[in-house]
Amino acid sequence: MIDIRRALAGLVAAAIVAACAPGGAQAAFVNDDFSDLDDTANPAWTHLNGLVNSTGQTWDASTGQYRLVAPNNGFALPPGGKLGFVGSYTGPLSTDVRVSADFVQNSTGAAYGIGARLNGASGVGAINNFNSLVGYAYAYEPFAAGGLGEMVLYKIQGASLNDIGSQQVTLDVANKDYRFVLEVVGNQLHGQVFEIGGGMVAERFATDSAYASGYSGVFGYSAEARVVPTDFTIDNFRTGIPEPAAGLLMAASTGALALARRRRN
């Protein structure tokens, strides 16, 4: 006689493995509301400070939110002058993934947002090396479009952020909070922005196949020419399985329940 509960658990577990580990990389769920006032566990974050050789960055979760700050004191790149950069990422290594974070309080910088498939140009060990970060990002550029602002899908190639899909939108970051969402499935990228307590205010799609896997996180950069430093705060960071993969879990669960009903009958 088949143990129905065991069969149900086995089918759901198999679906989780299939959905979470395409190509051997996993996209397990990560949720961090920073209520533990720490970024060293549950989950552990890894700080990024080496991209442009800037120094003096800070990472602070002591308020129940996660604030990242970087001065503009890195290498000089005309006409922007000295650059600043700060980031942070968390595991696990993933392929298809959905990343979201709430950007709260008043954020400043030339660009700040969320990243997926973040890695080093020559492998995981190089992720924090000078000019070595690669991956995808969805970020806000408040000074773009003549100062009106843009949301941009990026392909990160070291210190170069290559626009692969942008949309003019002005975010009222001084008075409102926003949720940034980046979903990467295969070679398809999908970015969205939602006003917290409101509706969607931006959406963009792009196609790119340069990077197959990596970590998820947040980042920001600026330059002397913009006067302001990189200074942004996030809350409610989440990663998970994109909807098509999540559907496998539902299908497996439904199938197992149907099997259980047939066995009872």
C-alpha atoms as a PDB file:
ATOM      1  CA  MET A   1       0.000   0.000   0.000  1.00  0.00           C
ATOM      2  CA  ILE A   2       1.304   3.440  -0.960  1.00  0.00           C
ATOM      3  CA  ASP A   3       1.648   6.031   1.817  1.00  0.00           C
ATOM      4  CA  ILE A   4      -0.293   8.950   0.277  1.00  0.00           C
ATOM      5  CA  ARG A   5       1.321  11.576   2.453  1.00  0.00           C
ATOM      6  CA  ARG A   6       4.758  10.310   1.509  1.00  0.00           C
ATOM      7  CA  ALA A   7       3.831  10.326  -2.188  1.00  0.00           C
ATOM      8  CA  LEU A   8       2.551  13.892  -1.897  1.00  0.00           C
ATOM      9  CA  ALA A   9       5.709  15.060  -0.162  1.00  0.00           C
ATOM     10  CA  GLY A  10       7.898  13.302  -2.702  1.00  0.00           C
ATOM     11  CA  LEU A  11       6.170  14.849  -5.702  1.00  0.00           C
ATOM     12  CA  VAL A  12       6.273  18.355  -4.270  1.00  0.00           C
ATOM     13  CA  ALA A  13       9.940  17.931  -3.314  1.00  0.00           C
ATOM     14  CA  ALA A  14      10.755  16.743  -6.825  1.00  0.00           C
ATOM     15  CA  ALA A  15       9.005  19.783  -8.273  1.00  0.00           C
ATOM     16  CA  ILE A  16      10.944  22.087  -5.983  1.00  0.00           C
ATOM     17  CA  VAL A  17      14.219  20.527  -7.118  1.00  0.00           C
ATOM     18  CA  ALA A  18      13.218  20.853 -10.768  1.00  0.00           C
ATOM     19  CA  ALA A  19      12.052  24.438 -10.351  1.00  0.00           C
ATOM     20  CA  CYS A  20      14.836  25.685  -8.138  1.00  0.00           C
ATOM     21  CA  ALA A  21      17.838  24.049  -9.726  1.00  0.00           C
ATOM     22  CA  PRO A  22      17.931  24.573 -13.491  1.00  0.00           C
ATOM     23  CA  GLY A  23      21.439  23.821 -14.652  1.00  0.00           C
ATOM     24  CA  GLY A  24      22.541  23.023 -11.127  1.00  0.00           C
ATOM     25  CA  ALA A  25      22.044  26.560  -9.723  1.00  0.00           C
ATOM     26  CA  GLN A  26      19.309  27.111  -7.171  1.00  0.00           C
ATOM     27  CA  ALA A  27      16.804  29.931  -6.798  1.00  0.00           C
ATOM     28  CA  ALA A  28      15.653  29.297  -3.242  1.00  0.00           C
ATOM     29  CA  PHE A  29      13.464  31.841  -1.526  1.00  0.00           C
ATOM     30  CA  VAL A  30      15.186  34.703   0.317  1.00  0.00           C
ATOM     31  CA  ASN A  31      13.275  37.212   2.427  1.00  0.00           C
ATOM     32  CA  ASP A  32      14.912  39.942   4.483  1.00  0.00           C
ATOM     33  CA  ASP A  33      12.962  42.710   6.227  1.00  0.00           C
ATOM     34  CA  PHE A  34      16.037  43.540   8.345  1.00  0.00           C
ATOM     35  CA  SER A  35      14.023  43.205  11.540  1.00  0.00           C
ATOM     36  CA  ASP A  36      17.045  41.434  13.081  1.00  0.00           C
ATOM     37  CA  LEU A  37      18.932  44.746  12.647  1.00  0.00           C
ATOM     38  CA  ASP A  38      21.820  42.900  11.025  1.00  0.00           C
ATOM     39  CA  ASP A  39      23.073  41.906   7.559  1.00  0.00           C
ATOM     40  CA  THR A  40      25.375  39.059   8.631  1.00  0.00           C
ATOM     41  CA  ALA A  41      22.795  36.257   8.933  1.00  0.00           C
ATOM     42  CA  ASN A  42      19.277  35.202   7.894  1.00  0.00           C
ATOM     43  CA  PRO A  43      20.417  35.848   5.175  1.00  0.00           C
ATOM     44  CA  ALA A  44      24.095  36.783   5.120  1.00  0.00           C
ATOM     45  CA  TRP A  45      24.947  39.695   2.811  1.00  0.00           C
ATOM     46  CA  THR A  46      28.314  40.152   1.122  1.00  0.00           C
ATOM     47  CA  HIS A  47      29.457  43.759   0.746  1.00  0.00           C
ATOM     48  CA  LEU A  48      30.631  45.094  -2.619  1.00  0.00           C
ATOM     49  CA  ASN A  49      33.079  48.004  -2.527  1.00  0.00           C
ATOM     50  CA  GLY A  50      35.802  47.220  -5.080  1.00  0.00           C
ATOM     51  CA  LEU A  51      34.212  48.116  -8.404  1.00  0.00           C
ATOM     52  CA  VAL A  52      35.621  51.652  -8.796  1.00  0.00           C
ATOM     53  CA  ASN A  53      38.227  51.668  -6.001  1.00  0.00           C
ATOM     54  CA  SER A  54      36.086  53.924  -3.827  1.00  0.00           C
ATOM     55  CA  THR A  55      36.455  53.722  -0.049  1.00  0.00           C
ATOM     56  CA  GLY A  56      34.567  54.651   3.104  1.00  0.00           C
ATOM     57  CA  GLN A  57      31.326  52.885   2.207  1.00  0.00           C
ATOM     58  CA  THR A  58      28.864  51.959   4.971  1.00  0.00           C
ATOM     59  CA  TRP A  59      26.238  49.232   5.264  1.00  0.00           C
ATOM     60  CA  ASP A  60      23.761  49.760   8.115  1.00  0.00           C
ATOM     61  CA  ALA A  61      20.770  47.571   9.038  1.00  0.00           C
ATOM     62  CA  SER A  62      20.525  48.791  12.652  1.00  0.00           C
ATOM     63  CA  THR A  63      17.302  50.741  12.042  1.00  0.00           C
ATOM     64  CA  GLY A  64      15.327  47.796  10.664  1.00  0.00           C
ATOM     65  CA  GLN A  65      16.032  48.939   7.111  1.00  0.00           C
ATOM     66  CA  TYR A  66      19.220  48.595   5.041  1.00  0.00           C
ATOM     67  CA  ARG A  67      21.070  51.815   4.231  1.00  0.00           C
ATOM     68  CA  LEU A  68      24.078  51.829   1.888  1.00  0.00           C
ATOM     69  CA  VAL A  69      26.281  54.912   1.454  1.00  0.00           C
ATOM     70  CA  ALA A  70      29.357  55.614  -0.703  1.00  0.00           C
ATOM     71  CA  PRO A  71      31.301  58.862  -1.169  1.00  0.00           C
ATOM     72  CA  ASN A  72      32.511  59.923  -4.601  1.00  0.00           C
ATOM     73  CA  ASN A  73      36.189  59.126  -4.069  1.00  0.00           C
ATOM     74  CA  GLY A  74      36.959  56.317  -6.504  1.00  0.00           C
ATOM     75  CA  PHE A  75      38.849  56.474  -9.786  1.00  0.00           C
ATOM     76  CA  ALA A  76      38.195  59.513 -11.961  1.00  0.00           C
ATOM     77  CA  LEU A  77      36.224  59.096 -15.171  1.00  0.00           C
ATOM     78  CA  PRO A  78      35.728  62.294 -17.201  1.00  0.00           C
ATOM     79  CA  PRO A  79      33.436  64.147 -17.337  1.00  0.00           C
ATOM     80  CA  GLY A  80      31.898  62.721 -14.157  1.00  0.00           C
ATOM     81  CA  GLY A  81      35.010  62.999 -12.029  1.00  0.00           C
ATOM     82  CA  LYS A  82      35.680  60.632  -9.153  1.00  0.00           C
ATOM     83  CA  LEU A  83      33.176  57.780  -8.897  1.00  0.00           C
ATOM     84  CA  GLY A  84      31.462  56.243  -5.917  1.00  0.00           C
ATOM     85  CA  PHE A  85      29.966  52.765  -5.674  1.00  0.00           C
ATOM     86  CA  VAL A  86      28.407  50.547  -3.015  1.00  0.00           C
ATOM     87  CA  GLY A  87      26.540  47.256  -3.272  1.00  0.00           C
ATOM     88  CA  SER A  88      25.585  44.128  -1.405  1.00  0.00           C
ATOM     89  CA  TYR A  89      24.500  40.694  -2.549  1.00  0.00           C
ATOM     90  CA  THR A  90      23.170  37.491  -1.057  1.00  0.00           C
ATOM     91  CA  GLY A  91      22.877  33.867  -2.134  1.00  0.00           C
ATOM     92  CA  PRO A  92      22.164  31.368  -3.314  1.00  0.00           C
ATOM     93  CA  LEU A  93      23.588  31.239  -6.830  1.00  0.00           C
ATOM     94  CA  SER A  94      20.585  31.305  -9.174  1.00  0.00           C
ATOM     95  CA  THR A  95      19.624  31.190 -12.823  1.00  0.00           C
ATOM     96  CA  ASP A  96      15.941  32.050 -13.324  1.00  0.00           C
ATOM     97  CA  VAL A  97      15.020  34.403 -10.504  1.00  0.00           C
ATOM     98  CA  ARG A  98      12.671  37.182  -9.420  1.00  0.00           C
ATOM     99  CA  VAL A  99      14.236  39.902  -7.251  1.00  0.00           C
ATOM    100  CA  SER A 100      12.415  42.748  -5.508  1.00  0.00           C
ATOM    101  CA  ALA A 101      13.201  45.432  -2.918  1.00  0.00           C
ATOM    102  CA  ASP A 102      11.422  48.454  -1.493  1.00  0.00           C
ATOM    103  CA  PHE A 103      13.410  51.683  -1.894  1.00  0.00           C
ATOM    104  CA  VAL A 104      12.412  53.856   1.038  1.00  0.00           C
ATOM    105  CA  GLN A 105      13.270  57.293   2.423  1.00  0.00           C
ATOM    106  CA  ASN A 106      15.033  59.759   0.155  1.00  0.00           C
ATOM    107  CA  SER A 107      17.633  58.065  -2.083  1.00  0.00           C
ATOM    108  CA  THR A 108      20.408  59.836  -3.973  1.00  0.00           C
ATOM    109  CA  GLY A 109      22.970  58.838  -6.589  1.00  0.00           C
ATOM    110  CA  ALA A 110      23.455  58.686 -10.330  1.00  0.00           C
ATOM    111  CA  ALA A 111      21.805  55.245 -10.348  1.00  0.00           C
ATOM    112  CA  TYR A 112      20.554  52.786  -7.727  1.00  0.00           C
ATOM    113  CA  GLY A 113      18.556  49.602  -7.991  1.00  0.00           C
ATOM    114  CA  ILE A 114      18.464  45.815  -7.805  1.00  0.00           C
ATOM    115  CA  GLY A 115      20.612  43.196  -9.503  1.00  0.00           C
ATOM    116  CA  ALA A 116      20.334  39.579 -10.626  1.00  0.00           C
ATOM    117  CA  ARG A 117      22.869  37.041 -11.900  1.00  0.00           C
ATOM    118  CA  LEU A 118      25.610  39.158 -10.322  1.00  0.00           C
ATOM    119  CA  ASN A 119      29.049  37.614 -10.626  1.00  0.00           C
ATOM    120  CA  GLY A 120      32.684  38.390 -11.396  1.00  0.00           C
ATOM    121  CA  ALA A 121      33.954  38.799 -14.941  1.00  0.00           C
ATOM    122  CA  SER A 122      36.364  35.900 -14.389  1.00  0.00           C
ATOM    123  CA  GLY A 123      34.251  33.945 -11.901  1.00  0.00           C
ATOM    124  CA  VAL A 124      32.684  34.178  -8.469  1.00  0.00           C
ATOM    125  CA  GLY A 125      35.973  35.046  -6.761  1.00  0.00           C
ATOM    126  CA  ALA A 126      36.308  38.209  -8.855  1.00  0.00           C
ATOM    127  CA  ILE A 127      32.875  39.656  -8.069  1.00  0.00           C
ATOM    128  CA  ASN A 128      34.352  42.369  -5.820  1.00  0.00           C
ATOM    129  CA  ASN A 129      37.446  43.138  -7.871  1.00  0.00           C
ATOM    130  CA  PHE A 130      38.129  46.450  -9.554  1.00  0.00           C
ATOM    131  CA  ASN A 131      36.078  46.859 -12.762  1.00  0.00           C
ATOM    132  CA  SER A 132      34.999  43.198 -12.612  1.00  0.00           C
ATOM    133  CA  LEU A 133      31.318  43.044 -11.633  1.00  0.00           C
ATOM    134  CA  VAL A 134      28.939  41.580 -14.244  1.00  0.00           C
ATOM    135  CA  GLY A 135      25.235  40.786 -14.267  1.00  0.00           C
ATOM    136  CA  TYR A 136      21.865  42.407 -14.838  1.00  0.00           C
ATOM    137  CA  ALA A 137      20.189  45.284 -13.015  1.00  0.00           C
ATOM    138  CA  TYR A 138      17.078  47.427 -12.942  1.00  0.00           C
ATOM    139  CA  ALA A 139      17.827  50.886 -11.603  1.00  0.00           C
ATOM    140  CA  TYR A 140      16.623  54.464 -11.354  1.00  0.00           C
ATOM    141  CA  GLU A 141      18.661  57.278 -12.914  1.00  0.00           C
ATOM    142  CA  PRO A 142      17.263  60.522 -11.458  1.00  0.00           C
ATOM    143  CA  PHE A 143      19.478  62.751 -13.660  1.00  0.00           C
ATOM    144  CA  ALA A 144      18.672  61.025 -16.972  1.00  0.00           C
ATOM    145  CA  ALA A 145      16.296  62.358 -19.646  1.00  0.00           C
ATOM    146  CA  GLY A 146      17.321  65.948 -18.974  1.00  0.00           C
ATOM    147  CA  GLY A 147      16.731  65.572 -15.239  1.00  0.00           C
ATOM    148  CA  LEU A 148      13.297  63.962 -15.586  1.00  0.00           C
ATOM    149  CA  GLY A 149      14.601  60.527 -14.625  1.00  0.00           C
ATOM    150  CA  GLU A 150      14.575  57.052 -16.173  1.00  0.00           C
ATOM    151  CA  MET A 151      14.189  53.450 -15.094  1.00  0.00           C
ATOM    152  CA  VAL A 152      16.804  51.396 -16.910  1.00  0.00           C
ATOM    153  CA  LEU A 153      17.461  47.705 -17.514  1.00  0.00           C
ATOM    154  CA  TYR A 154      21.239  47.284 -17.443  1.00  0.00           C
ATOM    155  CA  LYS A 155      23.794  44.768 -18.547  1.00  0.00           C
ATOM    156  CA  ILE A 156      26.620  45.371 -16.072  1.00  0.00           C
ATOM    157  CA  GLN A 157      30.111  45.028 -17.534  1.00  0.00           C
ATOM    158  CA  GLY A 158      32.544  46.176 -14.894  1.00  0.00           C
ATOM    159  CA  ALA A 159      32.110  49.882 -14.208  1.00  0.00           C
ATOM    160  CA  SER A 160      30.101  50.206 -17.451  1.00  0.00           C
ATOM    161  CA  LEU A 161      26.323  50.051 -17.154  1.00  0.00           C
ATOM    162  CA  ASN A 162      24.970  49.291 -20.615  1.00  0.00           C
ATOM    163  CA  ASP A 163      21.380  50.385 -21.233  1.00  0.00           C
ATOM    164  CA  ILE A 164      19.395  47.514 -22.787  1.00  0.00           C
ATOM    165  CA  GLY A 165      15.971  49.022 -22.112  1.00  0.00           C
ATOM    166  CA  SER A 166      15.011  52.379 -20.594  1.00  0.00           C
ATOM    167  CA  GLN A 167      11.813  54.295 -19.867  1.00  0.00           C
ATOM    168  CA  GLN A 168      11.362  57.911 -18.866  1.00  0.00           C
ATOM    169  CA  VAL A 169       9.671  58.141 -15.464  1.00  0.00           C
ATOM    170  CA  THR A 170      10.002  60.608 -12.600  1.00  0.00           C
ATOM    171  CA  LEU A 171       9.961  58.972  -9.180  1.00  0.00           C
ATOM    172  CA  ASP A 172       9.019  61.205  -6.253  1.00  0.00           C
ATOM    173  CA  VAL A 173      11.675  59.629  -4.013  1.00  0.00           C
ATOM    174  CA  ALA A 174      11.556  62.494  -1.520  1.00  0.00           C
ATOM    175  CA  ASN A 175       7.940  61.773  -0.621  1.00  0.00           C
ATOM    176  CA  LYS A 176       7.101  58.242  -1.787  1.00  0.00           C
ATOM    177  CA  ASP A 177       8.496  54.703  -1.509  1.00  0.00           C
ATOM    178  CA  TYR A 178       8.796  52.347  -4.478  1.00  0.00           C
ATOM    179  CA  ARG A 179       9.186  48.620  -5.061  1.00  0.00           C
ATOM    180  CA  PHE A 180      11.651  47.643  -7.793  1.00  0.00           C
ATOM    181  CA  VAL A 181      11.163  44.202  -9.367  1.00  0.00           C
ATOM    182  CA  LEU A 182      13.539  42.402 -11.755  1.00  0.00           C
ATOM    183  CA  GLU A 183      12.688  39.012 -13.217  1.00  0.00           C
ATOM    184  CA  VAL A 184      15.186  37.114 -15.360  1.00  0.00           C
ATOM    185  CA  VAL A 185      14.031  33.907 -17.066  1.00  0.00           C
ATOM    186  CA  GLY A 186      16.330  32.406 -19.681  1.00  0.00           C
ATOM    187  CA  ASN A 187      17.329  35.349 -21.876  1.00  0.00           C
ATOM    188  CA  GLN A 188      14.254  37.422 -21.011  1.00  0.00           C
ATOM    189  CA  LEU A 189      14.460  40.383 -18.611  1.00  0.00           C
ATOM    190  CA  HIS A 190      11.410  42.086 -17.123  1.00  0.00           C
ATOM    191  CA  GLY A 191      11.600  45.156 -14.873  1.00  0.00           C
ATOM    192  CA  GLN A 192       8.737  46.791 -12.979  1.00  0.00           C
ATOM    193  CA  VAL A 193       8.311  49.623 -10.468  1.00  0.00           C
ATOM    194  CA  PHE A 194       5.354  49.932  -8.117  1.00  0.00           C
ATOM    195  CA  GLU A 195       4.522  52.824  -5.846  1.00  0.00           C
ATOM    196  CA  ILE A 196       4.113  51.417  -2.328  1.00  0.00           C
ATOM    197  CA  GLY A 197       0.408  51.698  -1.614  1.00  0.00           C
ATOM    198  CA  GLY A 198      -0.297  52.470  -5.277  1.00  0.00           C
ATOM    199  CA  GLY A 199      -0.025  50.937  -8.723  1.00  0.00           C
ATOM    200  CA  MET A 200       2.662  50.186 -11.302  1.00  0.00           C
ATOM    201  CA  VAL A 201       4.500  53.275 -12.565  1.00  0.00           C
ATOM    202  CA  ALA A 202       7.085  51.745 -14.918  1.00  0.00           C
ATOM    203  CA  GLU A 203       7.684  48.526 -16.853  1.00  0.00           C
ATOM    204  CA  ARG A 204      10.341  47.454 -19.340  1.00  0.00           C
ATOM    205  CA  PHE A 205      11.377  44.278 -21.188  1.00  0.00           C
ATOM    206  CA  ALA A 206      14.683  43.273 -22.768  1.00  0.00           C
ATOM    207  CA  THR A 207      16.453  40.233 -24.196  1.00  0.00           C
ATOM    208  CA  ASP A 208      20.059  39.296 -23.429  1.00  0.00           C
ATOM    209  CA  SER A 209      21.961  36.032 -22.968  1.00  0.00           C
ATOM    210  CA  ALA A 210      25.374  37.217 -21.735  1.00  0.00           C
ATOM    211  CA  TYR A 211      25.055  35.928 -18.156  1.00  0.00           C
ATOM    212  CA  ALA A 212      23.585  32.573 -17.145  1.00  0.00           C
ATOM    213  CA  SER A 213      23.740  32.639 -13.347  1.00  0.00           C
ATOM    214  CA  GLY A 214      24.825  34.643 -10.330  1.00  0.00           C
ATOM    215  CA  TYR A 215      23.696  36.254  -7.092  1.00  0.00           C
ATOM    216  CA  SER A 216      20.974  38.781  -6.295  1.00  0.00           C
ATOM    217  CA  GLY A 217      21.444  42.114  -4.579  1.00  0.00           C
ATOM    218  CA  VAL A 218      21.342  45.908  -4.610  1.00  0.00           C
ATOM    219  CA  PHE A 219      23.789  48.589  -5.774  1.00  0.00           C
ATOM    220  CA  GLY A 220      24.255  52.289  -6.346  1.00  0.00           C
ATOM    221  CA  TYR A 221      26.840  54.570  -7.927  1.00  0.00           C
ATOM    222  CA  SER A 222      27.482  58.273  -8.433  1.00  0.00           C
ATOM    223  CA  ALA A 223      30.175  60.761  -9.431  1.00  0.00           C
ATOM    224  CA  GLU A 224      31.576  64.113  -8.357  1.00  0.00           C
ATOM    225  CA  ALA A 225      29.802  65.886 -11.201  1.00  0.00           C
ATOM    226  CA  ARG A 226      26.471  65.021  -9.590  1.00  0.00           C
ATOM    227  CA  VAL A 227      27.628  66.476  -6.254  1.00  0.00           C
ATOM    228  CA  VAL A 228      25.509  64.062  -4.199  1.00  0.00           C
ATOM    229  CA  PRO A 229      26.943  60.774  -2.913  1.00  0.00           C
ATOM    230  CA  THR A 230      25.389  57.349  -3.356  1.00  0.00           C
ATOM    231  CA  ASP A 231      22.947  57.014  -0.453  1.00  0.00           C
ATOM    232  CA  PHE A 232      19.956  54.689  -0.598  1.00  0.00           C
ATOM    233  CA  THR A 233      17.856  52.624   1.799  1.00  0.00           C
ATOM    234  CA  ILE A 234      15.945  49.420   1.095  1.00  0.00           C
ATOM    235  CA  ASP A 235      13.493  47.205   2.942  1.00  0.00           C
ATOM    236  CA  ASN A 236      11.683  43.918   2.264  1.00  0.00           C
ATOM    237  CA  PHE A 237      14.272  42.371  -0.050  1.00  0.00           C
ATOM    238  CA  ARG A 238      13.005  39.172  -1.687  1.00  0.00           C
ATOM    239  CA  THR A 239      14.168  36.636  -4.237  1.00  0.00           C
ATOM    240  CA  GLY A 240      12.254  33.628  -5.468  1.00  0.00           C
ATOM    241  CA  ILE A 241      11.263  31.390  -8.318  1.00  0.00           C
ATOM    242  CA  PRO A 242       9.684  33.229 -11.264  1.00  0.00           C
ATOM    243  CA  GLU A 243       6.062  32.409 -11.992  1.00  0.00           C
ATOM    244  CA  PRO A 244       6.584  29.680 -14.656  1.00  0.00           C
ATOM    245  CA  ALA A 245       8.758  27.682 -12.251  1.00  0.00           C
ATOM    246  CA  ALA A 246       6.406  28.327  -9.351  1.00  0.00           C
ATOM    247  CA  GLY A 247       3.654  26.867 -11.499  1.00  0.00           C
ATOM    248  CA  LEU A 248       5.474  23.540 -11.458  1.00  0.00           C
ATOM    249  CA  LEU A 249       5.066  23.446  -7.688  1.00  0.00           C
ATOM    250  CA  MET A 250       1.340  24.037  -7.976  1.00  0.00           C
ATOM    251  CA  ALA A 251       0.967  21.407 -10.680  1.00  0.00           C
ATOM    252  CA  ALA A 252       2.882  18.844  -8.660  1.00  0.00           C
ATOM    253  CA  SER A 253       0.875  19.590  -5.542  1.00  0.00           C
ATOM    254  CA  THR A 254      -2.421  19.393  -7.436  1.00  0.00           C
ATOM    255  CA  GLY A 255      -1.410  16.115  -9.075  1.00  0.00           C
ATOM    256  CA  ALA A 256      -0.427  14.598  -5.761  1.00  0.00           C
ATOM    257  CA  LEU A 257      -3.713  15.622  -4.175  1.00  0.00           C
ATOM    258  CA  ALA A 258      -5.603  14.063  -7.086  1.00  0.00           C
ATOM    259  CA  LEU A 259      -3.619  10.862  -6.586  1.00  0.00           C
ATOM    260  CA  ALA A 260      -4.531  10.900  -2.900  1.00  0.00           C
ATOM    261  CA  ARG A 261      -8.229  11.278  -3.717  1.00  0.00           C
ATOM    262  CA  ARG A 262      -8.109   8.394  -6.179  1.00  0.00           C
ATOM    263  CA  ARG A 263      -6.414   6.188  -3.591  1.00  0.00           C
ATOM    264  CA  ARG A 264      -9.063   7.037  -0.998  1.00  0.00           C
ATOM    265  CA  ASN A 265     -11.826   6.256  -3.466  1.00  0.00           C
END
